[in-house]
N, C-alpha and C. Protein backbone atom coordinates (compact mmCIF):
# COMPACT_ATOMS: atom_id res chain seq x y z
N MET A 1 -58.37 -25.20 16.89
CA MET A 1 -57.04 -25.41 17.37
C MET A 1 -56.13 -25.59 16.23
N LYS A 2 -56.56 -26.29 15.07
CA LYS A 2 -55.70 -26.52 13.92
C LYS A 2 -55.57 -25.26 13.32
N LYS A 3 -56.65 -24.28 13.32
CA LYS A 3 -56.51 -23.04 12.51
C LYS A 3 -55.58 -22.09 13.37
N THR A 4 -55.46 -22.20 14.54
CA THR A 4 -54.56 -21.31 15.33
C THR A 4 -53.10 -21.61 15.08
N ILE A 5 -52.86 -23.01 14.93
CA ILE A 5 -51.52 -23.39 14.66
C ILE A 5 -51.09 -22.96 13.32
N ILE A 6 -51.94 -23.01 12.26
CA ILE A 6 -51.72 -22.51 11.00
C ILE A 6 -51.40 -20.98 10.94
N ILE A 7 -52.23 -20.23 11.73
CA ILE A 7 -52.08 -18.76 11.93
C ILE A 7 -50.78 -18.54 12.55
N ILE A 8 -50.48 -19.32 13.50
CA ILE A 8 -49.11 -18.97 14.30
C ILE A 8 -47.92 -19.37 13.31
N VAL A 9 -47.87 -20.44 12.67
CA VAL A 9 -46.93 -20.84 11.77
C VAL A 9 -46.84 -19.69 10.53
N PHE A 10 -48.03 -19.32 10.21
CA PHE A 10 -47.87 -18.22 9.07
C PHE A 10 -47.30 -16.89 9.56
N CYS A 11 -47.64 -16.62 10.88
CA CYS A 11 -47.09 -15.25 11.46
C CYS A 11 -45.53 -15.39 11.64
N VAL A 12 -45.16 -16.59 12.18
CA VAL A 12 -43.79 -16.87 12.32
C VAL A 12 -42.93 -16.74 10.93
N ALA A 13 -43.61 -17.54 9.79
CA ALA A 13 -42.94 -17.57 8.57
C ALA A 13 -42.92 -16.00 8.04
N MET A 14 -43.95 -15.26 8.25
CA MET A 14 -44.02 -13.87 7.82
C MET A 14 -42.96 -13.07 8.46
N ALA A 15 -42.79 -13.27 9.84
CA ALA A 15 -41.78 -12.47 10.65
C ALA A 15 -40.40 -12.83 10.21
N ALA A 16 -40.11 -14.12 9.83
CA ALA A 16 -38.93 -14.60 9.27
C ALA A 16 -38.58 -13.91 7.97
N ALA A 17 -39.49 -13.96 7.06
CA ALA A 17 -39.45 -13.37 5.79
C ALA A 17 -39.12 -11.87 6.02
N VAL A 18 -39.81 -11.17 6.67
CA VAL A 18 -39.50 -9.69 6.90
C VAL A 18 -38.28 -9.43 7.45
N ALA A 19 -37.75 -10.23 8.39
CA ALA A 19 -36.49 -10.10 9.12
C ALA A 19 -35.43 -10.39 8.11
N THR A 20 -35.62 -11.46 7.19
CA THR A 20 -34.70 -11.73 6.08
C THR A 20 -34.54 -10.56 5.11
N LEU A 21 -35.80 -10.02 4.77
CA LEU A 21 -35.66 -8.79 3.89
C LEU A 21 -35.02 -7.60 4.53
N ILE A 22 -35.20 -7.35 5.80
CA ILE A 22 -34.60 -6.23 6.41
C ILE A 22 -33.13 -6.56 6.44
N ALA A 23 -32.60 -7.75 6.71
CA ALA A 23 -31.20 -8.06 6.73
C ALA A 23 -30.50 -7.79 5.34
N ILE A 24 -31.24 -8.21 4.29
CA ILE A 24 -30.75 -8.17 2.99
C ILE A 24 -30.69 -6.59 2.59
N THR A 25 -31.72 -5.91 3.00
CA THR A 25 -31.74 -4.42 2.72
C THR A 25 -30.67 -3.64 3.31
N ILE A 26 -30.31 -4.08 4.65
CA ILE A 26 -29.23 -3.43 5.34
C ILE A 26 -27.95 -3.71 4.76
N ARG A 27 -27.67 -4.99 4.39
CA ARG A 27 -26.58 -5.37 3.66
C ARG A 27 -26.31 -4.62 2.40
N GLN A 28 -27.37 -4.49 1.60
CA GLN A 28 -27.20 -3.81 0.34
C GLN A 28 -26.96 -2.39 0.55
N SER A 29 -27.56 -1.77 1.44
CA SER A 29 -27.31 -0.38 1.72
C SER A 29 -25.94 -0.02 2.21
N ARG A 30 -25.28 -1.05 2.94
CA ARG A 30 -23.96 -1.00 3.41
C ARG A 30 -23.01 -1.03 2.12
N GLU A 31 -23.30 -1.90 1.29
CA GLU A 31 -22.54 -2.28 0.14
C GLU A 31 -22.61 -1.02 -0.85
N ILE A 32 -23.76 -0.46 -0.94
CA ILE A 32 -23.86 0.74 -1.84
C ILE A 32 -23.19 2.00 -1.18
N SER A 33 -23.11 2.13 0.11
CA SER A 33 -22.46 3.09 0.83
C SER A 33 -20.96 3.03 0.55
N ARG A 34 -20.41 1.76 0.77
CA ARG A 34 -18.85 1.35 0.50
C ARG A 34 -18.53 1.68 -0.64
N LEU A 35 -19.39 1.36 -1.80
CA LEU A 35 -18.94 1.71 -3.19
C LEU A 35 -19.03 3.18 -3.44
N GLY A 36 -19.93 3.87 -2.93
CA GLY A 36 -19.97 5.30 -3.01
C GLY A 36 -18.86 6.05 -2.27
N GLU A 37 -18.38 5.46 -1.18
CA GLU A 37 -17.26 6.12 -0.49
C GLU A 37 -16.00 5.79 -1.38
N ASN A 38 -15.86 4.74 -1.87
CA ASN A 38 -14.73 4.35 -2.69
C ASN A 38 -14.55 5.18 -3.84
N PHE A 39 -15.80 5.45 -4.48
CA PHE A 39 -15.85 6.22 -5.74
C PHE A 39 -15.47 7.70 -5.44
N ARG A 40 -16.03 8.24 -4.27
CA ARG A 40 -15.67 9.62 -3.91
C ARG A 40 -14.31 9.77 -3.66
N THR A 41 -13.54 8.77 -3.00
CA THR A 41 -12.17 8.73 -2.76
C THR A 41 -11.36 8.76 -4.05
N GLU A 42 -11.89 8.05 -5.06
CA GLU A 42 -10.94 7.94 -6.35
C GLU A 42 -11.32 9.27 -7.09
N VAL A 43 -12.44 9.80 -7.12
CA VAL A 43 -12.65 10.92 -7.78
C VAL A 43 -11.86 12.25 -7.17
N SER A 44 -11.89 12.31 -5.83
CA SER A 44 -11.18 13.29 -5.18
C SER A 44 -9.68 13.16 -5.27
N GLY A 45 -9.15 12.04 -5.61
CA GLY A 45 -7.69 11.72 -5.67
C GLY A 45 -7.04 11.82 -4.33
N ASP A 46 -7.83 11.73 -3.22
CA ASP A 46 -7.08 11.74 -1.91
C ASP A 46 -6.70 10.31 -1.69
N ARG A 47 -5.31 9.90 -1.82
CA ARG A 47 -5.15 8.56 -1.65
C ARG A 47 -4.97 8.12 -0.17
N SER A 48 -4.88 9.17 0.72
CA SER A 48 -4.65 8.86 2.19
C SER A 48 -6.01 8.40 2.85
N VAL A 49 -7.11 8.45 2.16
CA VAL A 49 -8.46 8.04 2.81
C VAL A 49 -8.37 6.58 2.54
N GLN A 50 -8.82 5.83 3.71
CA GLN A 50 -8.88 4.26 3.51
C GLN A 50 -10.08 3.91 2.70
N GLN A 51 -9.93 3.02 1.73
CA GLN A 51 -10.95 2.36 1.04
C GLN A 51 -11.21 1.05 1.45
N ALA A 52 -12.38 0.45 1.40
CA ALA A 52 -12.87 -0.84 1.73
C ALA A 52 -13.08 -1.66 0.49
N VAL A 53 -12.41 -2.84 0.25
CA VAL A 53 -12.44 -3.65 -0.69
C VAL A 53 -12.67 -5.12 -0.25
N THR A 54 -13.45 -5.77 -1.03
CA THR A 54 -13.71 -7.20 -0.68
C THR A 54 -12.47 -8.18 -1.15
N LYS A 55 -12.50 -9.31 -0.53
CA LYS A 55 -11.35 -10.28 -0.90
C LYS A 55 -11.31 -10.47 -2.37
N ALA A 56 -12.46 -10.61 -3.08
CA ALA A 56 -12.46 -10.89 -4.59
C ALA A 56 -11.97 -9.63 -5.28
N GLU A 57 -12.26 -8.41 -4.85
CA GLU A 57 -11.76 -7.12 -5.44
C GLU A 57 -10.26 -7.04 -5.16
N LEU A 58 -9.82 -7.54 -4.07
CA LEU A 58 -8.40 -7.33 -3.82
C LEU A 58 -7.67 -8.30 -4.69
N LYS A 59 -8.11 -9.39 -4.78
CA LYS A 59 -7.38 -10.37 -5.82
C LYS A 59 -7.50 -9.88 -7.30
N GLU A 60 -8.67 -9.51 -7.58
CA GLU A 60 -8.68 -8.89 -8.97
C GLU A 60 -8.02 -7.56 -9.31
N LEU A 61 -8.13 -6.56 -8.36
CA LEU A 61 -7.63 -5.26 -8.72
C LEU A 61 -6.18 -4.99 -8.25
N PHE A 62 -5.73 -5.75 -7.25
CA PHE A 62 -4.38 -5.51 -6.69
C PHE A 62 -3.62 -6.94 -6.77
N SER A 63 -3.58 -7.57 -7.75
CA SER A 63 -2.80 -8.75 -7.87
C SER A 63 -1.36 -8.46 -7.87
N ASP A 64 -0.76 -7.34 -8.34
CA ASP A 64 0.60 -7.16 -8.47
C ASP A 64 1.07 -6.95 -6.85
N GLU A 65 0.35 -6.25 -6.01
CA GLU A 65 0.71 -6.16 -4.65
C GLU A 65 0.67 -7.61 -3.87
N LEU A 66 -0.39 -8.34 -4.32
CA LEU A 66 -0.54 -9.65 -3.60
C LEU A 66 0.66 -10.56 -4.03
N ALA A 67 1.00 -10.43 -5.25
CA ALA A 67 2.24 -11.20 -5.84
C ALA A 67 3.48 -10.87 -5.03
N THR A 68 3.77 -9.64 -4.77
CA THR A 68 4.90 -9.17 -3.98
C THR A 68 4.81 -9.63 -2.57
N LEU A 69 3.64 -9.59 -2.01
CA LEU A 69 3.50 -10.18 -0.61
C LEU A 69 3.60 -11.54 -0.52
N GLY A 70 3.14 -12.21 -1.60
CA GLY A 70 3.39 -13.75 -1.77
C GLY A 70 4.86 -14.23 -1.67
N ASP A 71 5.74 -13.31 -2.19
CA ASP A 71 7.20 -13.77 -2.23
C ASP A 71 7.71 -13.63 -0.89
N TYR A 72 7.01 -12.94 0.10
CA TYR A 72 7.44 -12.94 1.57
C TYR A 72 6.59 -13.80 2.50
N GLY A 73 5.79 -14.70 1.69
CA GLY A 73 5.02 -15.68 2.57
C GLY A 73 3.65 -15.28 3.09
N VAL A 74 3.26 -14.13 2.65
CA VAL A 74 1.95 -13.61 3.07
C VAL A 74 0.75 -14.08 2.03
N LYS A 75 -0.12 -14.80 2.34
CA LYS A 75 -1.20 -15.22 1.47
C LYS A 75 -2.34 -14.23 1.43
N PRO A 76 -3.16 -14.13 0.31
CA PRO A 76 -4.05 -13.33 0.07
C PRO A 76 -5.20 -13.26 1.22
N ARG A 77 -5.45 -14.52 1.65
CA ARG A 77 -6.60 -14.58 2.75
C ARG A 77 -6.07 -14.00 4.07
N GLN A 78 -4.74 -13.86 4.31
CA GLN A 78 -4.29 -13.16 5.47
C GLN A 78 -4.28 -11.63 5.61
N VAL A 79 -4.30 -11.09 4.26
CA VAL A 79 -4.24 -9.60 4.22
C VAL A 79 -5.30 -8.85 4.85
N GLU A 80 -5.14 -7.89 5.56
CA GLU A 80 -6.26 -7.09 6.19
C GLU A 80 -6.10 -5.53 5.55
N ASN A 81 -5.01 -5.06 5.42
CA ASN A 81 -4.70 -3.62 4.78
C ASN A 81 -3.65 -3.75 3.86
N VAL A 82 -3.67 -2.95 2.84
CA VAL A 82 -2.67 -2.70 1.93
C VAL A 82 -2.43 -1.19 1.74
N ILE A 83 -1.26 -0.75 1.93
CA ILE A 83 -0.99 0.81 1.73
C ILE A 83 0.25 0.90 0.89
N ASN A 84 0.17 1.53 -0.23
CA ASN A 84 1.16 1.91 -1.09
C ASN A 84 1.73 3.23 -0.61
N VAL A 85 3.08 3.43 -0.37
CA VAL A 85 3.60 4.80 -0.03
C VAL A 85 4.79 5.05 -1.04
N GLU A 86 4.66 6.23 -1.54
CA GLU A 86 5.67 6.84 -2.35
C GLU A 86 6.73 7.66 -1.57
N TYR A 87 8.02 7.32 -1.80
CA TYR A 87 9.10 8.10 -1.02
C TYR A 87 9.83 8.89 -2.07
N HIS A 88 9.92 10.10 -1.85
CA HIS A 88 10.65 11.03 -2.81
C HIS A 88 11.48 11.82 -2.03
N TYR A 89 12.75 12.02 -2.23
CA TYR A 89 13.83 12.63 -1.50
C TYR A 89 14.71 13.41 -2.44
N ILE A 90 14.78 14.67 -2.18
CA ILE A 90 15.80 15.58 -2.99
C ILE A 90 16.75 16.23 -2.10
N ASP A 91 17.99 16.11 -2.39
CA ASP A 91 19.01 16.73 -1.63
C ASP A 91 19.68 17.74 -2.48
N THR A 92 19.56 18.93 -2.18
CA THR A 92 20.16 20.08 -3.18
C THR A 92 21.48 20.61 -2.45
N VAL A 93 21.89 20.14 -1.51
CA VAL A 93 23.31 20.65 -0.96
C VAL A 93 24.36 20.31 -1.72
N ARG A 94 25.15 21.24 -2.20
CA ARG A 94 26.25 20.99 -3.20
C ARG A 94 27.48 20.22 -2.47
N TYR A 95 27.93 19.20 -3.13
CA TYR A 95 29.05 18.42 -2.48
C TYR A 95 30.24 18.81 -3.64
N ARG A 96 31.41 18.98 -3.03
CA ARG A 96 32.64 19.01 -3.98
C ARG A 96 33.63 18.00 -3.56
N ASP A 97 34.15 17.42 -4.46
CA ASP A 97 35.38 16.43 -4.26
C ASP A 97 36.36 16.46 -5.21
N THR A 98 37.63 16.23 -4.99
CA THR A 98 38.67 16.29 -6.21
C THR A 98 38.63 14.84 -6.80
N LEU A 99 38.66 15.00 -8.20
CA LEU A 99 38.90 13.63 -8.89
C LEU A 99 40.39 13.09 -8.91
N VAL A 100 40.38 11.97 -8.87
CA VAL A 100 41.82 11.34 -8.86
C VAL A 100 42.33 11.45 -10.30
N TRP A 101 41.54 11.09 -11.21
CA TRP A 101 42.12 11.03 -12.66
C TRP A 101 41.05 11.41 -13.54
N VAL A 102 41.19 12.41 -14.54
CA VAL A 102 40.24 12.96 -15.56
C VAL A 102 40.59 12.21 -16.87
N TYR A 103 39.66 11.70 -17.59
CA TYR A 103 39.93 10.91 -18.72
C TYR A 103 40.34 11.95 -19.95
N ASP A 104 39.74 13.04 -20.11
CA ASP A 104 39.88 13.92 -21.21
C ASP A 104 40.36 15.33 -20.79
N THR A 105 41.39 15.75 -21.28
CA THR A 105 41.97 17.17 -20.89
C THR A 105 41.01 18.29 -21.25
N VAL A 106 39.99 18.02 -22.22
CA VAL A 106 39.16 19.13 -22.72
C VAL A 106 38.16 19.39 -21.62
N ILE A 107 37.89 18.46 -20.70
CA ILE A 107 37.06 18.62 -19.64
C ILE A 107 37.57 19.74 -18.58
N ARG A 108 38.93 19.63 -18.56
CA ARG A 108 39.59 20.63 -17.60
C ARG A 108 39.35 22.06 -18.08
N ALA A 109 39.06 22.45 -19.41
CA ALA A 109 39.17 23.67 -19.79
C ALA A 109 37.74 24.43 -19.45
N HIS A 110 36.62 23.70 -19.33
CA HIS A 110 35.38 24.46 -19.02
C HIS A 110 34.53 23.57 -18.06
N ARG A 111 33.42 24.11 -17.51
CA ARG A 111 32.55 23.17 -16.67
C ARG A 111 31.61 22.39 -17.64
N THR A 112 31.73 20.92 -17.25
CA THR A 112 31.01 20.11 -17.96
C THR A 112 29.82 19.46 -17.03
N PRO A 113 28.59 19.81 -17.39
CA PRO A 113 27.52 19.16 -16.71
C PRO A 113 27.23 17.67 -16.90
N PHE A 114 26.74 17.08 -15.75
CA PHE A 114 26.43 15.64 -16.06
C PHE A 114 25.13 15.42 -15.34
N GLU A 115 24.45 14.30 -15.76
CA GLU A 115 23.25 13.79 -15.21
C GLU A 115 23.28 12.34 -15.15
N ILE A 116 22.93 11.55 -14.03
CA ILE A 116 22.96 10.09 -14.10
C ILE A 116 21.61 9.74 -13.60
N ASP A 117 20.83 9.00 -14.52
CA ASP A 117 19.37 8.51 -14.08
C ASP A 117 19.37 7.19 -13.92
N GLY A 118 18.96 6.76 -12.60
CA GLY A 118 18.87 5.35 -12.41
C GLY A 118 17.23 5.10 -12.26
N ASP A 119 16.87 3.77 -12.02
CA ASP A 119 15.47 3.50 -11.72
C ASP A 119 15.03 4.07 -10.43
N CYS A 120 15.84 4.21 -9.43
CA CYS A 120 15.34 4.73 -8.11
C CYS A 120 16.11 6.08 -7.75
N TYR A 121 17.03 6.46 -8.56
CA TYR A 121 17.78 7.75 -8.14
C TYR A 121 18.17 8.58 -9.28
N SER A 122 18.43 9.77 -9.06
CA SER A 122 18.89 10.75 -10.13
C SER A 122 20.07 11.58 -9.51
N ILE A 123 21.25 11.72 -10.13
CA ILE A 123 22.27 12.72 -9.69
C ILE A 123 22.73 13.47 -10.73
N SER A 124 22.89 14.82 -10.45
CA SER A 124 23.20 15.80 -11.39
C SER A 124 24.26 16.71 -10.73
N GLY A 125 25.23 17.29 -11.66
CA GLY A 125 26.32 18.05 -11.13
C GLY A 125 27.12 18.54 -12.34
N GLU A 126 28.28 19.01 -11.94
CA GLU A 126 29.36 19.45 -12.94
C GLU A 126 30.75 18.96 -12.51
N ILE A 127 31.64 18.79 -13.70
CA ILE A 127 32.97 18.64 -13.42
C ILE A 127 33.62 19.67 -14.06
N TYR A 128 34.60 20.42 -13.22
CA TYR A 128 35.50 21.50 -13.44
C TYR A 128 36.85 21.20 -13.08
N ALA A 129 37.75 21.21 -14.01
CA ALA A 129 39.13 21.00 -13.78
C ALA A 129 39.27 19.57 -13.08
N ASP A 130 39.79 19.59 -11.89
CA ASP A 130 39.83 18.28 -11.25
C ASP A 130 38.81 18.20 -10.08
N THR A 131 37.69 18.82 -10.16
CA THR A 131 36.71 18.94 -9.09
C THR A 131 35.41 18.29 -9.57
N LEU A 132 34.84 17.48 -8.89
CA LEU A 132 33.50 16.96 -9.05
C LEU A 132 32.65 17.61 -8.13
N GLU A 133 31.54 18.21 -8.68
CA GLU A 133 30.41 18.96 -7.86
C GLU A 133 29.05 18.41 -8.02
N ILE A 134 28.61 17.78 -7.03
CA ILE A 134 27.28 17.19 -7.20
C ILE A 134 26.23 18.28 -6.60
N GLY A 135 25.28 18.63 -7.55
CA GLY A 135 24.39 19.67 -7.27
C GLY A 135 23.00 19.18 -6.67
N CYS A 136 22.52 18.04 -7.32
CA CYS A 136 21.26 17.49 -6.78
C CYS A 136 21.28 16.01 -6.86
N TYR A 137 20.64 15.46 -5.74
CA TYR A 137 20.64 14.02 -5.72
C TYR A 137 19.02 13.74 -5.29
N GLN A 138 18.54 12.86 -6.16
CA GLN A 138 17.09 12.51 -5.92
C GLN A 138 16.82 11.05 -5.76
N SER A 139 16.17 10.56 -4.82
CA SER A 139 15.88 9.17 -4.63
C SER A 139 14.32 9.09 -4.56
N ASN A 140 13.90 8.09 -5.46
CA ASN A 140 12.52 7.83 -5.52
C ASN A 140 12.30 6.24 -5.21
N ASP A 141 11.23 6.03 -4.39
CA ASP A 141 11.04 4.64 -4.09
C ASP A 141 9.55 4.48 -3.96
N GLU A 142 8.91 3.35 -4.09
CA GLU A 142 7.49 3.10 -3.84
C GLU A 142 7.63 1.88 -2.65
N ILE A 143 6.94 2.07 -1.65
CA ILE A 143 6.85 1.18 -0.42
C ILE A 143 5.63 0.57 -0.48
N LEU A 144 5.43 -0.87 -0.43
CA LEU A 144 4.23 -1.54 -0.20
C LEU A 144 4.15 -1.86 1.19
N LEU A 145 3.04 -1.46 2.01
CA LEU A 145 2.93 -1.68 3.34
C LEU A 145 1.60 -2.41 3.64
N SER A 146 1.57 -3.57 4.34
CA SER A 146 0.58 -4.43 4.56
C SER A 146 0.35 -5.07 5.87
N LEU A 147 -0.83 -5.14 6.38
CA LEU A 147 -1.13 -5.75 7.58
C LEU A 147 -1.86 -7.16 7.28
N TYR A 148 -1.36 -8.20 8.07
CA TYR A 148 -1.92 -9.48 7.75
C TYR A 148 -1.95 -10.31 8.97
N LYS A 149 -2.91 -11.26 8.93
CA LYS A 149 -3.07 -12.07 10.31
C LYS A 149 -2.21 -13.34 10.20
N GLU A 150 -1.32 -13.46 11.15
CA GLU A 150 -0.51 -14.63 11.21
C GLU A 150 -1.17 -15.87 11.57
N LYS A 151 -0.85 -16.98 11.06
CA LYS A 151 -1.43 -18.24 11.35
C LYS A 151 -1.49 -18.62 12.80
N ARG A 152 -2.37 -19.18 13.32
CA ARG A 152 -2.45 -19.57 14.73
C ARG A 152 -1.68 -20.90 14.90
N LYS A 153 -0.80 -21.05 15.91
CA LYS A 153 -0.19 -22.24 16.24
C LYS A 153 -0.99 -23.16 17.02
N CYS A 154 -1.97 -22.59 17.77
CA CYS A 154 -2.72 -23.39 18.65
C CYS A 154 -4.12 -22.84 18.36
N LEU A 155 -5.11 -23.75 18.50
CA LEU A 155 -6.52 -23.52 18.25
C LEU A 155 -7.13 -22.44 19.12
N PHE A 156 -6.58 -22.20 20.47
CA PHE A 156 -7.02 -21.22 21.38
C PHE A 156 -6.32 -19.89 21.36
N GLU A 157 -5.21 -19.93 20.55
CA GLU A 157 -4.25 -18.74 20.60
C GLU A 157 -5.01 -17.67 19.67
N LYS A 158 -4.98 -16.45 20.16
CA LYS A 158 -5.56 -15.22 19.51
C LYS A 158 -4.61 -14.82 18.25
N ARG A 159 -5.23 -14.65 17.09
CA ARG A 159 -4.45 -14.33 16.02
C ARG A 159 -3.74 -12.94 16.20
N LYS A 160 -2.51 -12.89 15.76
CA LYS A 160 -1.63 -11.71 15.84
C LYS A 160 -1.78 -10.96 14.43
N VAL A 161 -1.90 -9.71 14.42
CA VAL A 161 -1.77 -8.95 13.10
C VAL A 161 -0.40 -8.45 13.00
N ARG A 162 0.21 -8.76 11.87
CA ARG A 162 1.55 -8.56 11.69
C ARG A 162 1.56 -7.23 10.51
N ALA A 163 2.71 -6.64 10.41
CA ALA A 163 2.91 -5.70 9.40
C ALA A 163 4.16 -6.07 8.49
N ILE A 164 4.13 -5.71 7.34
CA ILE A 164 5.29 -5.94 6.44
C ILE A 164 5.29 -4.62 5.47
N ALA A 165 6.47 -4.24 5.27
CA ALA A 165 6.90 -3.10 4.40
C ALA A 165 7.95 -3.54 3.37
N VAL A 166 7.74 -3.41 2.07
CA VAL A 166 8.60 -3.95 1.08
C VAL A 166 8.98 -2.66 0.18
N SER A 167 10.33 -2.53 -0.09
CA SER A 167 10.70 -1.54 -0.98
C SER A 167 10.79 -1.94 -2.43
N ALA A 168 10.18 -1.18 -3.28
CA ALA A 168 10.11 -1.66 -4.76
C ALA A 168 11.32 -1.52 -5.39
N CYS A 169 12.26 -0.55 -5.03
CA CYS A 169 13.50 -0.38 -5.63
C CYS A 169 14.53 -1.48 -5.37
N LYS A 170 14.66 -1.75 -4.07
CA LYS A 170 15.75 -2.71 -3.66
C LYS A 170 15.03 -3.95 -3.36
N GLY A 171 13.80 -4.19 -3.25
CA GLY A 171 13.17 -5.29 -2.81
C GLY A 171 13.50 -5.81 -1.30
N ASP A 172 14.01 -4.85 -0.52
CA ASP A 172 14.36 -5.08 0.79
C ASP A 172 13.04 -4.87 1.67
N THR A 173 12.93 -5.58 2.80
CA THR A 173 11.90 -5.39 3.82
C THR A 173 12.40 -4.29 4.73
N LEU A 174 11.55 -3.39 5.09
CA LEU A 174 11.91 -2.34 5.95
C LEU A 174 11.39 -2.65 7.33
N ALA A 175 12.10 -2.33 8.29
CA ALA A 175 11.74 -2.52 9.71
C ALA A 175 10.39 -1.70 10.08
N ILE A 176 9.51 -2.62 10.86
CA ILE A 176 8.33 -1.95 11.39
C ILE A 176 8.51 -1.50 12.64
N LEU A 177 8.50 -0.27 13.00
CA LEU A 177 8.74 0.20 14.38
C LEU A 177 7.47 0.19 15.33
N ARG A 178 6.42 0.23 14.91
CA ARG A 178 5.28 0.25 15.72
C ARG A 178 4.01 -0.11 14.69
N ASN A 179 3.19 -1.05 15.25
CA ASN A 179 1.87 -1.41 14.65
C ASN A 179 0.78 -1.25 15.49
N LEU A 180 0.13 -0.09 15.40
CA LEU A 180 -0.92 0.27 16.41
C LEU A 180 -2.32 0.19 15.72
N LYS A 181 -3.40 -0.17 16.42
CA LYS A 181 -4.71 -0.13 15.90
C LYS A 181 -5.55 0.63 17.00
N VAL A 182 -6.21 1.70 16.58
CA VAL A 182 -6.97 2.59 17.46
C VAL A 182 -8.41 2.00 17.55
N VAL A 183 -8.83 1.67 18.70
CA VAL A 183 -10.19 1.00 18.86
C VAL A 183 -10.97 2.08 19.83
N LYS A 184 -12.26 1.90 19.58
CA LYS A 184 -13.15 2.78 20.44
C LYS A 184 -13.46 2.29 21.80
């Protein structure tokens, strides 16, 4: 009887050990797969493919984005997705307007090209006589988009996933028109 109990305890302990080893192996294989997918995405340069990072990696590698989100009250533990979007706009339609006053009379004699470069925009064109002609207007912006879980007001309330989009140039928050999650 005593021998049977020892055998049963031994079998249960072995089964628990095997189950633990299987769970560790599955977790390790998922981690290796995640790192491999992230590596392939980085090497291919395809920024539209979603990468999976841990909270520790998020804090270590994306601290600038978390600092920007922190300015708007989003804590790192709330963040679920971080998406950086680059916005580039070029307008090549030529606009003409008459200048009210020209500083130098030499400008009136020939076409004078000009270019104005700002942090978020670039304007180029020409001044001829009393006419200002804008040839190209470029706007560059970087948009930080993040999904985060809102704090619950009640213990039984389901957490809502909110989205925030912040413009790097102006520091404005952009309106989120729709926040959809596709589930199977």
